[in-house]
């Protein structure tokens, strides 16, 4: 759709609603309060439209259409290729719309219908509305910089005063849950937090630069270009792995495309 056509479509909706949906200036476009209310309505109707199209294709010899799949950048090359290979072989006419972002938001992406399926770490409490298909166990390591800095100097002490060591933490997600558990085990009530970061990939360079230490999935550490500049720390208590898998809304399994993808995981 061209920009001019899009503008006309928006103008028609705003005229019919009698409300402005967008605030526009030379630098950005943002939603008005009416636009924020309209957004979930639009998403719901778009999902219903996609569902109707898929239901009408049930009797066709070959499925086609679009599946929205969410995963982290690391998972896109560590686990997703093997997941997609079998599905694409069976259903070559189905287009995969890949969305990448913070793995901690994977479950929310599915719950809000922004994605049909997501590669996600299994949360400690999986919502009842979701189904989860296990793929792999994700191990974690505590990493430190190799350059001389405050963190490395503190780590050379015996015993280590973990209360003073600067930590770089994910905002949320399974890795954050594991480090919070480790804090409780070590009785660290008020850890020194250098920064909290959305996602995992950006944390490894911060550790390499000497900003602090971090607990991260080994697959992220291994695939980071900054891997040679960090070291793993031996811990007296091993970190419990978390499960990686594909999650989906249970009600979405009624959709032919989603069900076909789900069945491929088990087949």
C-alpha atoms as a PDB file:
ATOM      1  CA  UNK A   1       0.000   0.000   0.000  1.00  0.00           C
ATOM      2  CA  UNK A   2       1.424   3.379  -0.961  1.00  0.00           C
ATOM      3  CA  UNK A   3       1.758   6.134   1.687  1.00  0.00           C
ATOM      4  CA  UNK A   4      -0.958   8.189   0.011  1.00  0.00           C
ATOM      5  CA  UNK A   5      -3.389   5.230  -0.019  1.00  0.00           C
ATOM      6  CA  UNK A   6      -2.601   4.483   3.613  1.00  0.00           C
ATOM      7  CA  UNK A   7      -3.253   8.117   4.564  1.00  0.00           C
ATOM      8  CA  UNK A   8      -6.628   8.043   2.821  1.00  0.00           C
ATOM      9  CA  UNK A   9      -7.614   4.817   4.597  1.00  0.00           C
ATOM     10  CA  UNK A  10      -6.692   6.307   7.973  1.00  0.00           C
ATOM     11  CA  UNK A  11      -8.563   9.525   7.156  1.00  0.00           C
ATOM     12  CA  UNK A  12     -11.721   7.558   6.299  1.00  0.00           C
ATOM     13  CA  UNK A  13     -11.550   5.626   9.579  1.00  0.00           C
ATOM     14  CA  UNK A  14     -11.034   8.834  11.557  1.00  0.00           C
ATOM     15  CA  UNK A  15     -13.952  10.531   9.785  1.00  0.00           C
ATOM     16  CA  UNK A  16     -16.238   7.544  10.441  1.00  0.00           C
ATOM     17  CA  UNK A  17     -15.220   7.351  14.101  1.00  0.00           C
ATOM     18  CA  UNK A  18     -15.272  11.110  14.590  1.00  0.00           C
ATOM     19  CA  UNK A  19     -11.962  10.832  16.423  1.00  0.00           C
ATOM     20  CA  UNK A  20      -8.297  11.340  15.588  1.00  0.00           C
ATOM     21  CA  UNK A  21      -6.406   8.054  15.786  1.00  0.00           C
ATOM     22  CA  UNK A  22      -2.893   9.413  15.253  1.00  0.00           C
ATOM     23  CA  UNK A  23      -0.842  12.394  16.331  1.00  0.00           C
ATOM     24  CA  UNK A  24       1.481  13.451  13.519  1.00  0.00           C
ATOM     25  CA  UNK A  25       4.406  15.824  13.286  1.00  0.00           C
ATOM     26  CA  UNK A  26       7.518  16.045  11.134  1.00  0.00           C
ATOM     27  CA  UNK A  27       9.442  13.579  13.301  1.00  0.00           C
ATOM     28  CA  UNK A  28       7.064  10.856  14.395  1.00  0.00           C
ATOM     29  CA  UNK A  29       3.570   9.394  14.421  1.00  0.00           C
ATOM     30  CA  UNK A  30       1.958   8.212  17.671  1.00  0.00           C
ATOM     31  CA  UNK A  31      -1.444   6.940  18.761  1.00  0.00           C
ATOM     32  CA  UNK A  32      -4.012   9.198  20.405  1.00  0.00           C
ATOM     33  CA  UNK A  33      -6.072   7.958  23.366  1.00  0.00           C
ATOM     34  CA  UNK A  34      -8.767   6.931  20.846  1.00  0.00           C
ATOM     35  CA  UNK A  35      -6.087   5.172  18.776  1.00  0.00           C
ATOM     36  CA  UNK A  36      -4.934   3.200  21.837  1.00  0.00           C
ATOM     37  CA  UNK A  37      -8.534   2.023  22.341  1.00  0.00           C
ATOM     38  CA  UNK A  38      -8.900   1.196  18.656  1.00  0.00           C
ATOM     39  CA  UNK A  39      -5.697  -0.885  18.484  1.00  0.00           C
ATOM     40  CA  UNK A  40      -6.925  -4.028  20.356  1.00  0.00           C
ATOM     41  CA  UNK A  41     -10.161  -3.894  18.339  1.00  0.00           C
ATOM     42  CA  UNK A  42      -8.123  -3.819  15.112  1.00  0.00           C
ATOM     43  CA  UNK A  43      -5.885  -6.684  16.237  1.00  0.00           C
ATOM     44  CA  UNK A  44      -8.872  -8.816  17.238  1.00  0.00           C
ATOM     45  CA  UNK A  45     -10.638  -8.268  13.932  1.00  0.00           C
ATOM     46  CA  UNK A  46      -7.445  -8.917  11.955  1.00  0.00           C
ATOM     47  CA  UNK A  47      -6.990 -12.208  13.862  1.00  0.00           C
ATOM     48  CA  UNK A  48     -10.598 -13.181  13.120  1.00  0.00           C
ATOM     49  CA  UNK A  49     -10.085 -12.370   9.433  1.00  0.00           C
ATOM     50  CA  UNK A  50      -6.981 -14.564   9.331  1.00  0.00           C
ATOM     51  CA  UNK A  51      -8.846 -17.331  11.144  1.00  0.00           C
ATOM     52  CA  UNK A  52     -11.725 -17.190   8.645  1.00  0.00           C
ATOM     53  CA  UNK A  53      -9.323 -17.387   5.683  1.00  0.00           C
ATOM     54  CA  UNK A  54      -7.555 -20.374   7.218  1.00  0.00           C
ATOM     55  CA  UNK A  55     -10.829 -22.168   7.979  1.00  0.00           C
ATOM     56  CA  UNK A  56     -11.931 -21.737   4.367  1.00  0.00           C
ATOM     57  CA  UNK A  57      -8.686 -23.387   3.260  1.00  0.00           C
ATOM     58  CA  UNK A  58      -9.166 -26.561   5.305  1.00  0.00           C
ATOM     59  CA  UNK A  59     -10.412 -28.550   2.357  1.00  0.00           C
ATOM     60  CA  UNK A  60      -7.738 -27.311  -0.015  1.00  0.00           C
ATOM     61  CA  UNK A  61      -5.045 -29.776  -1.058  1.00  0.00           C
ATOM     62  CA  UNK A  62      -2.272 -27.500   0.192  1.00  0.00           C
ATOM     63  CA  UNK A  63      -2.229 -25.005   3.016  1.00  0.00           C
ATOM     64  CA  UNK A  64      -1.132 -21.454   2.346  1.00  0.00           C
ATOM     65  CA  UNK A  65      -1.158 -18.189   4.216  1.00  0.00           C
ATOM     66  CA  UNK A  66       0.969 -16.478   6.856  1.00  0.00           C
ATOM     67  CA  UNK A  67       2.212 -17.523  10.285  1.00  0.00           C
ATOM     68  CA  UNK A  68       3.705 -14.976  12.672  1.00  0.00           C
ATOM     69  CA  UNK A  69       6.535 -16.511  14.677  1.00  0.00           C
ATOM     70  CA  UNK A  70       8.438 -14.738  17.470  1.00  0.00           C
ATOM     71  CA  UNK A  71      11.901 -15.610  18.788  1.00  0.00           C
ATOM     72  CA  UNK A  72      15.101 -14.036  20.052  1.00  0.00           C
ATOM     73  CA  UNK A  73      17.949 -13.138  17.701  1.00  0.00           C
ATOM     74  CA  UNK A  74      20.067 -15.981  19.099  1.00  0.00           C
ATOM     75  CA  UNK A  75      17.267 -18.538  18.784  1.00  0.00           C
ATOM     76  CA  UNK A  76      16.801 -17.480  15.158  1.00  0.00           C
ATOM     77  CA  UNK A  77      20.067 -19.215  14.261  1.00  0.00           C
ATOM     78  CA  UNK A  78      20.542 -21.670  17.159  1.00  0.00           C
ATOM     79  CA  UNK A  79      17.188 -23.497  17.292  1.00  0.00           C
ATOM     80  CA  UNK A  80      14.742 -22.065  14.754  1.00  0.00           C
ATOM     81  CA  UNK A  81      16.302 -23.506  11.542  1.00  0.00           C
ATOM     82  CA  UNK A  82      15.720 -27.114  12.611  1.00  0.00           C
ATOM     83  CA  UNK A  83      12.183 -26.251  13.748  1.00  0.00           C
ATOM     84  CA  UNK A  84      11.299 -24.620  10.419  1.00  0.00           C
ATOM     85  CA  UNK A  85      13.005 -27.108   8.097  1.00  0.00           C
ATOM     86  CA  UNK A  86      10.435 -29.878   8.468  1.00  0.00           C
ATOM     87  CA  UNK A  87       7.465 -27.493   8.367  1.00  0.00           C
ATOM     88  CA  UNK A  88       8.625 -25.749   5.193  1.00  0.00           C
ATOM     89  CA  UNK A  89       9.194 -29.088   3.518  1.00  0.00           C
ATOM     90  CA  UNK A  90       5.605 -30.097   4.206  1.00  0.00           C
ATOM     91  CA  UNK A  91       3.965 -26.706   3.624  1.00  0.00           C
ATOM     92  CA  UNK A  92       6.058 -24.658   1.177  1.00  0.00           C
ATOM     93  CA  UNK A  93       3.165 -22.279   0.420  1.00  0.00           C
ATOM     94  CA  UNK A  94       2.973 -21.017   4.005  1.00  0.00           C
ATOM     95  CA  UNK A  95       4.867 -17.770   4.585  1.00  0.00           C
ATOM     96  CA  UNK A  96       6.653 -17.375   7.919  1.00  0.00           C
ATOM     97  CA  UNK A  97       6.675 -13.809   9.230  1.00  0.00           C
ATOM     98  CA  UNK A  98       9.566 -13.807  11.688  1.00  0.00           C
ATOM     99  CA  UNK A  99       9.527 -11.324  14.576  1.00  0.00           C
ATOM    100  CA  UNK A 100      12.649 -11.032  16.735  1.00  0.00           C
ATOM    101  CA  UNK A 101      13.030  -9.344  20.081  1.00  0.00           C
ATOM    102  CA  UNK A 102      13.554  -9.751  23.803  1.00  0.00           C
ATOM    103  CA  UNK A 103      12.942 -13.439  24.686  1.00  0.00           C
ATOM    104  CA  UNK A 104      11.329 -12.346  27.947  1.00  0.00           C
ATOM    105  CA  UNK A 105       8.405 -10.924  25.937  1.00  0.00           C
ATOM    106  CA  UNK A 106       7.785 -14.133  23.950  1.00  0.00           C
ATOM    107  CA  UNK A 107       4.837 -15.331  26.033  1.00  0.00           C
ATOM    108  CA  UNK A 108       3.248 -11.871  26.005  1.00  0.00           C
ATOM    109  CA  UNK A 109       3.626 -11.738  22.218  1.00  0.00           C
ATOM    110  CA  UNK A 110       1.467 -14.869  21.936  1.00  0.00           C
ATOM    111  CA  UNK A 111      -1.048 -13.784  24.577  1.00  0.00           C
ATOM    112  CA  UNK A 112      -1.568 -10.417  22.872  1.00  0.00           C
ATOM    113  CA  UNK A 113      -1.934 -12.120  19.446  1.00  0.00           C
ATOM    114  CA  UNK A 114       1.004 -10.196  18.035  1.00  0.00           C
ATOM    115  CA  UNK A 115       2.483 -13.612  17.191  1.00  0.00           C
ATOM    116  CA  UNK A 116       0.805 -16.939  16.447  1.00  0.00           C
ATOM    117  CA  UNK A 117       3.635 -18.936  18.004  1.00  0.00           C
ATOM    118  CA  UNK A 118       6.846 -18.125  19.854  1.00  0.00           C
ATOM    119  CA  UNK A 119      10.098 -19.792  20.807  1.00  0.00           C
ATOM    120  CA  UNK A 120      10.156 -19.121  24.521  1.00  0.00           C
ATOM    121  CA  UNK A 121      11.752 -20.123  27.760  1.00  0.00           C
ATOM    122  CA  UNK A 122       9.154 -21.896  29.845  1.00  0.00           C
ATOM    123  CA  UNK A 123       8.085 -19.525  32.638  1.00  0.00           C
ATOM    124  CA  UNK A 124       7.894 -20.773  36.214  1.00  0.00           C
ATOM    125  CA  UNK A 125       4.112 -20.427  35.973  1.00  0.00           C
ATOM    126  CA  UNK A 126       2.826 -21.203  32.480  1.00  0.00           C
ATOM    127  CA  UNK A 127      -0.564 -19.497  31.880  1.00  0.00           C
ATOM    128  CA  UNK A 128      -3.441 -21.971  31.591  1.00  0.00           C
ATOM    129  CA  UNK A 129      -4.400 -20.537  28.202  1.00  0.00           C
ATOM    130  CA  UNK A 130      -1.084 -21.624  26.635  1.00  0.00           C
ATOM    131  CA  UNK A 131       0.364 -24.887  25.364  1.00  0.00           C
ATOM    132  CA  UNK A 132       4.121 -25.490  25.472  1.00  0.00           C
ATOM    133  CA  UNK A 133       6.128 -27.928  23.321  1.00  0.00           C
ATOM    134  CA  UNK A 134       9.567 -28.705  24.756  1.00  0.00           C
ATOM    135  CA  UNK A 135      12.580 -28.406  22.413  1.00  0.00           C
ATOM    136  CA  UNK A 136      15.748 -28.153  24.492  1.00  0.00           C
ATOM    137  CA  UNK A 137      17.258 -27.476  27.917  1.00  0.00           C
ATOM    138  CA  UNK A 138      19.084 -24.153  28.103  1.00  0.00           C
ATOM    139  CA  UNK A 139      22.068 -24.116  30.465  1.00  0.00           C
ATOM    140  CA  UNK A 140      23.394 -20.884  31.952  1.00  0.00           C
ATOM    141  CA  UNK A 141      26.766 -19.554  33.097  1.00  0.00           C
ATOM    142  CA  UNK A 142      27.931 -16.599  35.129  1.00  0.00           C
ATOM    143  CA  UNK A 143      30.425 -14.654  33.017  1.00  0.00           C
ATOM    144  CA  UNK A 144      32.974 -11.992  33.893  1.00  0.00           C
ATOM    145  CA  UNK A 145      35.190  -9.659  31.844  1.00  0.00           C
ATOM    146  CA  UNK A 146      38.807 -10.516  31.068  1.00  0.00           C
ATOM    147  CA  UNK A 147      39.938  -6.913  31.287  1.00  0.00           C
ATOM    148  CA  UNK A 148      41.133  -5.443  34.570  1.00  0.00           C
ATOM    149  CA  UNK A 149      38.191  -3.628  36.162  1.00  0.00           C
ATOM    150  CA  UNK A 150      36.268  -3.313  39.411  1.00  0.00           C
ATOM    151  CA  UNK A 151      34.442  -6.594  38.812  1.00  0.00           C
ATOM    152  CA  UNK A 152      37.583  -8.660  38.181  1.00  0.00           C
ATOM    153  CA  UNK A 153      39.349  -7.141  41.202  1.00  0.00           C
ATOM    154  CA  UNK A 154      36.403  -8.038  43.450  1.00  0.00           C
ATOM    155  CA  UNK A 155      36.313 -11.584  42.033  1.00  0.00           C
ATOM    156  CA  UNK A 156      39.949 -12.126  43.068  1.00  0.00           C
ATOM    157  CA  UNK A 157      39.071 -11.709  46.742  1.00  0.00           C
ATOM    158  CA  UNK A 158      38.678 -14.783  48.948  1.00  0.00           C
ATOM    159  CA  UNK A 159      35.917 -15.007  49.899  1.00  0.00           C
ATOM    160  CA  UNK A 160      34.195 -12.991  47.185  1.00  0.00           C
ATOM    161  CA  UNK A 161      31.967 -10.212  48.499  1.00  0.00           C
ATOM    162  CA  UNK A 162      29.110 -10.801  46.034  1.00  0.00           C
ATOM    163  CA  UNK A 163      27.206  -7.903  47.559  1.00  0.00           C
ATOM    164  CA  UNK A 164      29.687  -5.483  45.947  1.00  0.00           C
ATOM    165  CA  UNK A 165      30.202  -7.187  42.563  1.00  0.00           C
ATOM    166  CA  UNK A 166      28.340  -5.211  39.831  1.00  0.00           C
ATOM    167  CA  UNK A 167      25.738  -7.270  37.961  1.00  0.00           C
ATOM    168  CA  UNK A 168      24.175  -6.675  34.561  1.00  0.00           C
ATOM    169  CA  UNK A 169      20.711  -8.221  34.590  1.00  0.00           C
ATOM    170  CA  UNK A 170      18.031  -9.020  32.033  1.00  0.00           C
ATOM    171  CA  UNK A 171      14.883  -7.058  32.768  1.00  0.00           C
ATOM    172  CA  UNK A 172      12.827 -10.239  33.122  1.00  0.00           C
ATOM    173  CA  UNK A 173      12.475 -13.798  31.825  1.00  0.00           C
ATOM    174  CA  UNK A 174      13.851 -17.244  32.804  1.00  0.00           C
ATOM    175  CA  UNK A 175      17.479 -16.062  33.033  1.00  0.00           C
ATOM    176  CA  UNK A 176      16.443 -13.254  35.397  1.00  0.00           C
ATOM    177  CA  UNK A 177      14.444 -15.730  37.459  1.00  0.00           C
ATOM    178  CA  UNK A 178      17.523 -17.968  37.806  1.00  0.00           C
ATOM    179  CA  UNK A 179      19.795 -15.124  38.922  1.00  0.00           C
ATOM    180  CA  UNK A 180      17.162 -13.965  41.435  1.00  0.00           C
ATOM    181  CA  UNK A 181      17.083 -17.528  42.812  1.00  0.00           C
ATOM    182  CA  UNK A 182      20.891 -17.484  43.042  1.00  0.00           C
ATOM    183  CA  UNK A 183      20.790 -14.141  44.886  1.00  0.00           C
ATOM    184  CA  UNK A 184      18.428 -15.681  47.444  1.00  0.00           C
ATOM    185  CA  UNK A 185      20.659 -18.765  47.822  1.00  0.00           C
ATOM    186  CA  UNK A 186      23.724 -16.556  48.419  1.00  0.00           C
ATOM    187  CA  UNK A 187      21.653 -14.324  50.742  1.00  0.00           C
ATOM    188  CA  UNK A 188      22.398 -11.271  48.597  1.00  0.00           C
ATOM    189  CA  UNK A 189      19.560  -8.976  49.604  1.00  0.00           C
ATOM    190  CA  UNK A 190      20.791  -5.803  47.902  1.00  0.00           C
ATOM    191  CA  UNK A 191      23.003  -6.719  44.914  1.00  0.00           C
ATOM    192  CA  UNK A 192      24.983  -4.030  43.137  1.00  0.00           C
ATOM    193  CA  UNK A 193      23.173  -3.642  39.798  1.00  0.00           C
ATOM    194  CA  UNK A 194      25.138  -1.846  37.091  1.00  0.00           C
ATOM    195  CA  UNK A 195      22.250  -2.033  34.586  1.00  0.00           C
ATOM    196  CA  UNK A 196      19.141  -3.936  33.594  1.00  0.00           C
ATOM    197  CA  UNK A 197      18.904  -4.691  29.889  1.00  0.00           C
ATOM    198  CA  UNK A 198      16.103  -5.917  27.613  1.00  0.00           C
ATOM    199  CA  UNK A 199      17.248  -9.065  25.824  1.00  0.00           C
ATOM    200  CA  UNK A 200      20.453 -11.058  26.235  1.00  0.00           C
ATOM    201  CA  UNK A 201      22.675 -10.331  23.245  1.00  0.00           C
ATOM    202  CA  UNK A 202      23.539  -6.786  24.352  1.00  0.00           C
ATOM    203  CA  UNK A 203      24.670  -7.919  27.803  1.00  0.00           C
ATOM    204  CA  UNK A 204      27.724  -9.910  26.634  1.00  0.00           C
ATOM    205  CA  UNK A 205      29.477  -6.814  25.146  1.00  0.00           C
ATOM    206  CA  UNK A 206      28.787  -4.902  28.376  1.00  0.00           C
ATOM    207  CA  UNK A 207      30.482  -7.661  30.374  1.00  0.00           C
ATOM    208  CA  UNK A 208      33.390  -7.752  27.897  1.00  0.00           C
ATOM    209  CA  UNK A 209      33.869  -3.995  28.357  1.00  0.00           C
ATOM    210  CA  UNK A 210      34.249  -4.433  32.101  1.00  0.00           C
ATOM    211  CA  UNK A 211      30.887  -3.098  33.243  1.00  0.00           C
ATOM    212  CA  UNK A 212      30.104  -6.097  35.452  1.00  0.00           C
ATOM    213  CA  UNK A 213      29.206  -9.787  35.532  1.00  0.00           C
ATOM    214  CA  UNK A 214      26.082 -11.486  34.163  1.00  0.00           C
ATOM    215  CA  UNK A 215      24.235 -14.792  34.218  1.00  0.00           C
ATOM    216  CA  UNK A 216      23.240 -15.703  30.665  1.00  0.00           C
ATOM    217  CA  UNK A 217      22.223 -18.708  28.551  1.00  0.00           C
ATOM    218  CA  UNK A 218      25.304 -20.558  27.282  1.00  0.00           C
ATOM    219  CA  UNK A 219      23.931 -20.491  23.735  1.00  0.00           C
ATOM    220  CA  UNK A 220      23.975 -16.663  23.838  1.00  0.00           C
ATOM    221  CA  UNK A 221      27.503 -16.558  25.221  1.00  0.00           C
ATOM    222  CA  UNK A 222      28.806 -19.123  22.710  1.00  0.00           C
ATOM    223  CA  UNK A 223      27.376 -17.320  19.677  1.00  0.00           C
ATOM    224  CA  UNK A 224      28.371 -13.806  20.746  1.00  0.00           C
ATOM    225  CA  UNK A 225      31.233 -12.184  18.782  1.00  0.00           C
ATOM    226  CA  UNK A 226      32.473 -10.960  22.195  1.00  0.00           C
ATOM    227  CA  UNK A 227      32.781 -14.518  23.541  1.00  0.00           C
ATOM    228  CA  UNK A 228      36.644 -14.500  23.553  1.00  0.00           C
ATOM    229  CA  UNK A 229      36.593 -11.464  25.836  1.00  0.00           C
ATOM    230  CA  UNK A 230      34.603 -13.035  28.689  1.00  0.00           C
ATOM    231  CA  UNK A 231      35.243 -15.925  31.082  1.00  0.00           C
ATOM    232  CA  UNK A 232      32.923 -18.278  32.943  1.00  0.00           C
ATOM    233  CA  UNK A 233      32.984 -18.225  36.747  1.00  0.00           C
ATOM    234  CA  UNK A 234      32.920 -21.498  38.667  1.00  0.00           C
ATOM    235  CA  UNK A 235      30.022 -21.482  41.107  1.00  0.00           C
ATOM    236  CA  UNK A 236      29.549 -23.546  44.261  1.00  0.00           C
ATOM    237  CA  UNK A 237      25.911 -24.117  43.312  1.00  0.00           C
ATOM    238  CA  UNK A 238      25.035 -25.066  39.714  1.00  0.00           C
ATOM    239  CA  UNK A 239      22.428 -22.939  37.965  1.00  0.00           C
ATOM    240  CA  UNK A 240      19.260 -24.830  37.076  1.00  0.00           C
ATOM    241  CA  UNK A 241      18.648 -24.898  33.285  1.00  0.00           C
ATOM    242  CA  UNK A 242      15.335 -23.736  31.856  1.00  0.00           C
ATOM    243  CA  UNK A 243      13.288 -25.334  29.097  1.00  0.00           C
ATOM    244  CA  UNK A 244      13.108 -23.802  25.634  1.00  0.00           C
ATOM    245  CA  UNK A 245      10.091 -24.611  23.541  1.00  0.00           C
ATOM    246  CA  UNK A 246       7.313 -23.335  21.308  1.00  0.00           C
ATOM    247  CA  UNK A 247       4.285 -21.794  22.981  1.00  0.00           C
ATOM    248  CA  UNK A 248       0.876 -21.113  21.494  1.00  0.00           C
ATOM    249  CA  UNK A 249      -2.562 -20.096  22.658  1.00  0.00           C
ATOM    250  CA  UNK A 250      -4.622 -23.237  23.148  1.00  0.00           C
ATOM    251  CA  UNK A 251      -7.555 -21.734  21.245  1.00  0.00           C
ATOM    252  CA  UNK A 252      -5.277 -20.985  18.273  1.00  0.00           C
ATOM    253  CA  UNK A 253      -4.708 -24.702  17.725  1.00  0.00           C
ATOM    254  CA  UNK A 254      -8.108 -24.702  16.022  1.00  0.00           C
ATOM    255  CA  UNK A 255      -6.550 -22.712  13.171  1.00  0.00           C
ATOM    256  CA  UNK A 256      -5.325 -24.999  10.348  1.00  0.00           C
ATOM    257  CA  UNK A 257      -1.965 -23.282   9.887  1.00  0.00           C
ATOM    258  CA  UNK A 258      -1.176 -23.188  13.590  1.00  0.00           C
ATOM    259  CA  UNK A 259      -2.301 -26.784  14.064  1.00  0.00           C
ATOM    260  CA  UNK A 260      -0.177 -27.896  11.097  1.00  0.00           C
ATOM    261  CA  UNK A 261       2.890 -26.229  12.636  1.00  0.00           C
ATOM    262  CA  UNK A 262       2.125 -27.765  16.028  1.00  0.00           C
ATOM    263  CA  UNK A 263       1.646 -31.229  14.569  1.00  0.00           C
ATOM    264  CA  UNK A 264       4.956 -30.905  12.723  1.00  0.00           C
ATOM    265  CA  UNK A 265       6.724 -30.334  16.047  1.00  0.00           C
ATOM    266  CA  UNK A 266       5.439 -33.675  17.321  1.00  0.00           C
ATOM    267  CA  UNK A 267       5.746 -35.562  14.045  1.00  0.00           C
END
